[in-house]
Each structure stands twice: as C-alpha cells, then as structure tokens.
Amino acid sequence: MKLYAKTDVGRKREINQDYVYVTDKPIGPFPNLLVVADGMGGHKAGDFASKYTVKVLREELESTPLDKPEEILRNVVSVANHKLIEIAQSDVKLEGMGTTLVAGTVIGNTLYFSNVGDSRLYVINDKIKQVSKDHSLVEEMVRLGGIKAEEAKNHPDKNIITRAMGVKEDVEADIYEYKLRKGDIILMCTDGLSNMIEDEDMFDIVKSARDIVEAVLMLIEKANSNGGRDNIGVVMAEPLADEVSIW
C-alpha cells in the first residue's frame, strides 16, 4: 500500500488543530491504519483533542481482544470518546474540546472505516465518490428535504456539526465496509479541504498528479489559493502500492 499524509495550518488560522496519521505496519489486528481528525475547542484544546484521540485509538487497537473489523472500530472509537471526555473534565483549559474522526484500515480488498463528524472519506477511480456521510446540520437538512444539495455548499450554518468525539458519553459512529477495486485511491480529509475545493476539482487534481504525494501537495496548495480559511488535513492511499510517507 502506498500512503501519504500531510496537514497545513492554512491562510487564516494560527494553530493547526488537524491531525493525520498513517502506517502500513500492523497495529493490533489491523494490518494498516489511516486516520484524519479535526480538533475543535479553545486555545490549543482542539490541537490536543485531535492528537489525543488518535493516540488512544492506536493504544486501544494494540490491546483489543476483538477480531471483527467493524466491532473493533466501534469499540476503539467508543473508548477514545470516553477518555477524551475524562481528560477534558480534569483540566479547565480543555473543557468543551472535541474532534471529528475518520479512521480506517484496508484488509485484502475491503476498506473498513469509522466516521464521526464532517471530515470525509472519498474513493477516486474513474470518478470521485464521497463514501462517508457528513454529520452536519446542513447535511441533515438536505437528507430531510429542507434544502437542496447545491444550497448546502454555501449555507451559513455549514460548519455546525451534529456529532463529534468528546461531546456526549455515547458517541454514535458510522461504520462502513467498502469493497475496493483495482485503481481505487482513498482520499480522507478535513473540511479545510472539502470546503475550499469542489469535488470535481479534487478529482481533476488527483488525476493530473504524477503520484499521491504530488496530489496531496497540489490539493493543499489549491485549498490555500482558494482562501485557506481553515486548517487542511489530507490522507491518501493506493491500496495496491507499497510506500508510506508522512509530514
């Protein structure tokens, strides 16, 4: 598997609250791991939330007694959520912090992943497909027929999310199982990318790049040139290749 991950503070923020992690080495029962987290909270709290959540996730994977990917994801996400709440309650500076989370693994030709919040997972081949569903107010409005998908893109409440890690004792994570086919590229990102670049433009950039490293760098550059209003976190993977790199 070829992997590449990178974050960027963007053009408007002083602190980078996005955190990404990739490895093609086994962690517990998972043969590899891809994670994107977009932290939120007061000064440095969001930065802490995203990193701490990924740290707990990795620790729990190392020690899990479970063996079914969906059960493992549901359990480790739940534990990470509880621990995030606990540590927030122990330090007034961390009160109110939280984070989005997309965490996945590729086993054979199957991608298993969990999603909480509005960070996204796309699969790119001959087209771009958003596999995850945003846990956001405007997405709920679209699903209920209150607004059209086109209106959601520029809606004033676009950044209000309906689920996040560290907010409620029982986090409701979506768990996915997705069959990959030859040539599929996995793209995971925070809303600092998806809010700044249309899906079709993401597809064009990825397809025009020489490899996923160049694709990630070009995506970040484009998000910044479009305004860079938020931190940008990107993970890309080619399941049938065999290199890994992270900045």
Protein backbone atom coordinates (compact mmCIF):
# COMPACT_ATOMS: atom_id res chain seq x y z
CA MET A 1 0.00 0.00 0.00
CA LYS A 2 1.23 3.48 -0.83
CA LEU A 3 0.30 6.08 1.78
CA TYR A 4 0.86 9.80 2.19
CA ALA A 5 -0.47 12.21 4.80
CA LYS A 6 0.02 15.91 5.47
CA THR A 7 -1.55 18.82 7.32
CA ASP A 8 -1.30 22.55 6.74
CA VAL A 9 -2.32 25.41 9.00
CA GLY A 10 -4.00 27.26 6.11
CA ARG A 11 -4.03 31.00 5.49
CA LYS A 12 -6.30 32.25 8.30
CA ARG A 13 -5.55 30.20 11.43
CA GLU A 14 -2.62 30.49 13.84
CA ILE A 15 -2.88 26.99 15.33
CA ASN A 16 -3.16 23.74 13.40
CA GLN A 17 -5.89 21.63 15.03
CA ASP A 18 -5.94 18.99 12.27
CA TYR A 19 -4.05 15.75 12.88
CA VAL A 20 -3.34 12.90 10.46
CA TYR A 21 -1.75 9.50 10.97
CA VAL A 22 -0.91 6.67 8.57
CA THR A 23 1.05 3.45 8.81
CA ASP A 24 1.33 0.35 6.65
CA LYS A 25 2.62 -1.64 9.65
CA PRO A 26 0.22 -3.77 11.73
CA ILE A 27 -1.42 -2.20 14.79
CA GLY A 28 -3.10 -4.96 16.79
CA PRO A 29 -5.35 -6.92 14.40
CA PHE A 30 -5.28 -4.19 11.74
CA PRO A 31 -2.62 -4.57 9.00
CA ASN A 32 -2.54 -0.79 8.46
CA LEU A 33 -4.21 2.37 9.74
CA LEU A 34 -5.36 5.67 8.21
CA VAL A 35 -6.70 8.48 10.41
CA VAL A 36 -7.86 12.08 9.97
CA ALA A 37 -9.03 14.22 12.91
CA ASP A 38 -10.18 17.85 13.00
CA GLY A 39 -9.99 19.22 16.54
CA MET A 40 -12.11 21.98 18.00
CA GLY A 41 -12.04 23.95 21.22
CA GLY A 42 -10.35 26.91 22.84
CA HIS A 43 -6.68 27.86 22.60
CA LYS A 44 -4.71 24.64 21.91
CA ALA A 45 -7.60 22.44 23.15
CA GLY A 46 -8.61 21.38 19.64
CA ASP A 47 -4.98 20.67 18.82
CA PHE A 48 -4.80 18.43 21.91
CA ALA A 49 -8.15 16.73 21.19
CA SER A 50 -7.24 15.52 17.71
CA LYS A 51 -3.80 14.20 18.72
CA TYR A 52 -5.01 12.61 21.96
CA THR A 53 -7.90 10.84 20.23
CA VAL A 54 -5.56 9.28 17.66
CA LYS A 55 -3.11 8.29 20.43
CA VAL A 56 -5.86 6.47 22.38
CA LEU A 57 -7.14 4.87 19.18
CA ARG A 58 -3.72 3.38 18.48
CA GLU A 59 -3.26 2.17 22.07
CA GLU A 60 -6.68 0.51 22.10
CA LEU A 61 -6.02 -1.22 18.78
CA GLU A 62 -2.81 -2.70 20.20
CA SER A 63 -4.67 -4.34 23.07
CA THR A 64 -8.12 -5.13 21.65
CA PRO A 65 -9.32 -8.74 22.16
CA LEU A 66 -11.84 -8.36 19.31
CA ASP A 67 -11.26 -9.71 15.81
CA LYS A 68 -14.08 -8.41 13.60
CA PRO A 69 -13.08 -5.08 11.94
CA GLU A 70 -16.49 -3.41 12.44
CA GLU A 71 -16.62 -4.39 16.13
CA ILE A 72 -13.04 -3.27 16.66
CA LEU A 73 -13.70 0.15 15.12
CA ARG A 74 -16.88 0.67 17.12
CA ASN A 75 -15.15 -0.30 20.37
CA VAL A 76 -11.92 1.69 19.99
CA VAL A 77 -13.83 4.80 18.89
CA SER A 78 -16.11 4.47 21.93
CA VAL A 79 -13.15 4.12 24.31
CA ALA A 80 -11.35 7.07 22.73
CA ASN A 81 -14.50 9.16 23.15
CA HIS A 82 -14.81 8.30 26.86
CA LYS A 83 -11.13 9.02 27.52
CA LEU A 84 -11.36 12.34 25.70
CA ILE A 85 -14.29 13.36 27.89
CA GLU A 86 -12.46 12.23 31.05
CA ILE A 87 -9.33 14.22 30.34
CA ALA A 88 -11.38 17.30 29.37
CA GLN A 89 -13.10 17.15 32.77
CA SER A 90 -9.72 17.03 34.54
CA ASP A 91 -8.37 20.29 33.07
CA VAL A 92 -10.33 23.53 32.77
CA LYS A 93 -8.23 24.54 29.76
CA LEU A 94 -9.53 21.51 27.87
CA GLU A 95 -13.23 21.98 28.67
CA GLY A 96 -15.50 21.86 25.63
CA MET A 97 -12.94 20.33 23.31
CA GLY A 98 -13.82 17.74 20.71
CA THR A 99 -12.76 16.39 17.35
CA THR A 100 -14.06 14.81 14.18
CA LEU A 101 -12.62 11.41 13.32
CA VAL A 102 -12.28 9.23 10.24
CA ALA A 103 -10.30 6.05 10.94
CA GLY A 104 -9.90 3.13 8.58
CA THR A 105 -7.97 0.03 7.57
CA VAL A 106 -7.66 -1.95 4.35
CA ILE A 107 -7.85 -5.72 4.75
CA GLY A 108 -7.44 -7.56 1.47
CA ASN A 109 -9.66 -5.72 -0.99
CA THR A 110 -12.00 -4.32 1.67
CA LEU A 111 -11.87 -0.91 3.32
CA TYR A 112 -13.34 -0.72 6.81
CA PHE A 113 -13.72 2.71 8.38
CA SER A 114 -15.47 4.70 11.06
CA ASN A 115 -16.73 8.28 10.81
CA VAL A 116 -17.79 10.85 13.40
CA GLY A 117 -18.32 14.47 12.30
CA ASP A 118 -17.83 16.17 8.94
CA SER A 119 -14.37 15.06 7.91
CA ARG A 120 -14.70 12.93 4.80
CA LEU A 121 -13.62 9.78 3.00
CA TYR A 122 -13.73 9.66 -0.78
CA VAL A 123 -12.86 6.86 -3.20
CA ILE A 124 -11.46 8.01 -6.54
CA ASN A 125 -11.21 5.91 -9.67
CA ASP A 126 -12.98 6.87 -12.91
CA LYS A 127 -14.97 9.33 -10.79
CA ILE A 128 -14.93 10.72 -7.26
CA LYS A 129 -17.35 9.30 -4.72
CA GLN A 130 -17.92 10.53 -1.18
CA VAL A 131 -18.42 7.32 0.79
CA SER A 132 -18.79 8.86 4.27
CA LYS A 133 -21.82 10.94 5.26
CA ASP A 134 -21.31 14.33 6.94
CA HIS A 135 -22.70 14.63 10.45
CA SER A 136 -23.60 18.27 9.97
CA LEU A 137 -26.68 20.44 10.31
CA VAL A 138 -26.89 21.25 6.61
CA GLU A 139 -26.45 17.60 5.62
CA GLU A 140 -29.35 16.69 7.92
CA MET A 141 -31.39 19.44 6.24
CA VAL A 142 -30.55 18.00 2.81
CA ARG A 143 -31.50 14.47 3.90
CA LEU A 144 -34.81 15.72 5.27
CA GLY A 145 -35.52 17.67 2.09
CA GLY A 146 -35.30 21.11 3.73
CA ILE A 147 -32.67 22.39 1.31
CA LYS A 148 -31.06 21.16 -1.90
CA ALA A 149 -27.53 19.78 -2.03
CA GLU A 150 -26.41 22.79 -4.09
CA GLU A 151 -27.66 25.17 -1.38
CA ALA A 152 -25.74 23.26 1.32
CA LYS A 153 -22.37 24.18 -0.18
CA ASN A 154 -22.66 27.85 0.77
CA HIS A 155 -25.15 27.66 3.64
CA PRO A 156 -24.34 29.98 6.60
CA ASP A 157 -24.65 27.04 9.04
CA LYS A 158 -22.33 24.81 7.00
CA ASN A 159 -19.79 24.42 9.81
CA ILE A 160 -22.25 23.30 12.51
CA ILE A 161 -21.67 19.58 13.11
CA THR A 162 -24.18 17.26 14.78
CA ARG A 163 -21.73 14.63 16.05
CA ALA A 164 -18.19 14.82 17.40
CA MET A 165 -15.79 12.94 19.62
CA GLY A 166 -15.69 14.23 23.21
CA VAL A 167 -19.17 15.76 23.32
CA LYS A 168 -21.52 13.00 24.53
CA GLU A 169 -20.84 9.91 26.65
CA ASP A 170 -22.19 7.65 23.92
CA VAL A 171 -20.72 8.62 20.58
CA GLU A 172 -22.65 7.45 17.52
CA ALA A 173 -20.09 6.42 14.93
CA ASP A 174 -20.96 5.34 11.40
CA ILE A 175 -19.14 2.12 10.45
CA TYR A 176 -18.57 1.30 6.79
CA GLU A 177 -17.43 -1.72 4.78
CA TYR A 178 -16.46 -0.82 1.21
CA LYS A 179 -15.21 -3.23 -1.47
CA LEU A 180 -12.24 -1.75 -3.31
CA ARG A 181 -11.43 -2.39 -6.95
CA LYS A 182 -8.23 -2.09 -8.92
CA GLY A 183 -7.11 1.51 -9.36
CA ASP A 184 -9.07 2.89 -6.39
CA ILE A 185 -7.47 5.76 -4.49
CA ILE A 186 -8.64 6.57 -0.97
CA LEU A 187 -8.81 10.26 -0.05
CA MET A 188 -9.57 11.28 3.54
CA CYS A 189 -9.71 14.94 4.50
CA THR A 190 -10.91 17.56 6.96
CA ASP A 191 -13.39 20.24 5.92
CA GLY A 192 -10.49 22.63 5.41
CA LEU A 193 -10.05 20.84 2.10
CA SER A 194 -13.61 19.86 1.17
CA ASN A 195 -15.00 23.34 1.93
CA MET A 196 -12.37 25.02 -0.24
CA ILE A 197 -12.37 22.75 -3.32
CA GLU A 198 -15.29 21.30 -5.26
CA ASP A 199 -15.31 17.51 -5.52
CA GLU A 200 -14.89 17.64 -9.30
CA ASP A 201 -11.80 19.84 -8.92
CA MET A 202 -10.36 17.39 -6.37
CA PHE A 203 -10.85 14.61 -8.91
CA ASP A 204 -9.09 16.60 -11.66
CA ILE A 205 -6.15 17.43 -9.38
CA VAL A 206 -5.67 13.83 -8.25
CA LYS A 207 -5.89 12.52 -11.81
CA SER A 208 -3.40 15.09 -13.12
CA ALA A 209 -0.78 14.38 -10.42
CA ARG A 210 2.16 12.04 -11.03
CA ASP A 211 1.58 10.23 -7.72
CA ILE A 212 -0.36 10.61 -4.47
CA VAL A 213 2.40 12.68 -2.86
CA GLU A 214 2.13 15.31 -5.58
CA ALA A 215 -1.68 15.02 -5.42
CA VAL A 216 -1.78 15.81 -1.68
CA LEU A 217 0.56 18.77 -2.09
CA MET A 218 -1.46 20.10 -5.04
CA LEU A 219 -4.74 19.73 -3.13
CA ILE A 220 -3.36 21.68 -0.16
CA GLU A 221 -1.94 24.37 -2.46
CA LYS A 222 -5.31 24.70 -4.21
CA ALA A 223 -7.23 24.94 -0.91
CA ASN A 224 -4.88 27.71 0.20
CA SER A 225 -5.07 29.55 -3.11
CA ASN A 226 -8.88 29.43 -2.80
CA GLY A 227 -8.65 31.21 0.56
CA GLY A 228 -7.30 28.63 3.02
CA ARG A 229 -9.91 29.58 5.61
CA ASP A 230 -9.22 26.58 7.84
CA ASN A 231 -6.57 24.01 8.69
CA ILE A 232 -6.17 21.37 6.00
CA GLY A 233 -5.65 17.67 6.74
CA VAL A 234 -5.27 15.12 3.95
CA VAL A 235 -4.58 11.37 3.79
CA MET A 236 -4.27 9.48 0.51
CA ALA A 237 -3.76 5.79 -0.08
CA GLU A 238 -3.29 3.44 -3.01
CA PRO A 239 -4.10 0.03 -1.52
CA LEU A 240 -2.14 -1.92 -4.16
CA ALA A 241 1.12 0.08 -3.83
CA ASP A 242 3.79 -0.25 -1.15
CA GLU A 243 5.25 3.05 0.08
CA VAL A 244 4.45 5.21 3.11
CA SER A 245 5.29 8.83 3.87
CA ILE A 246 4.07 11.39 6.38
CA TRP A 247 4.95 15.01 7.05
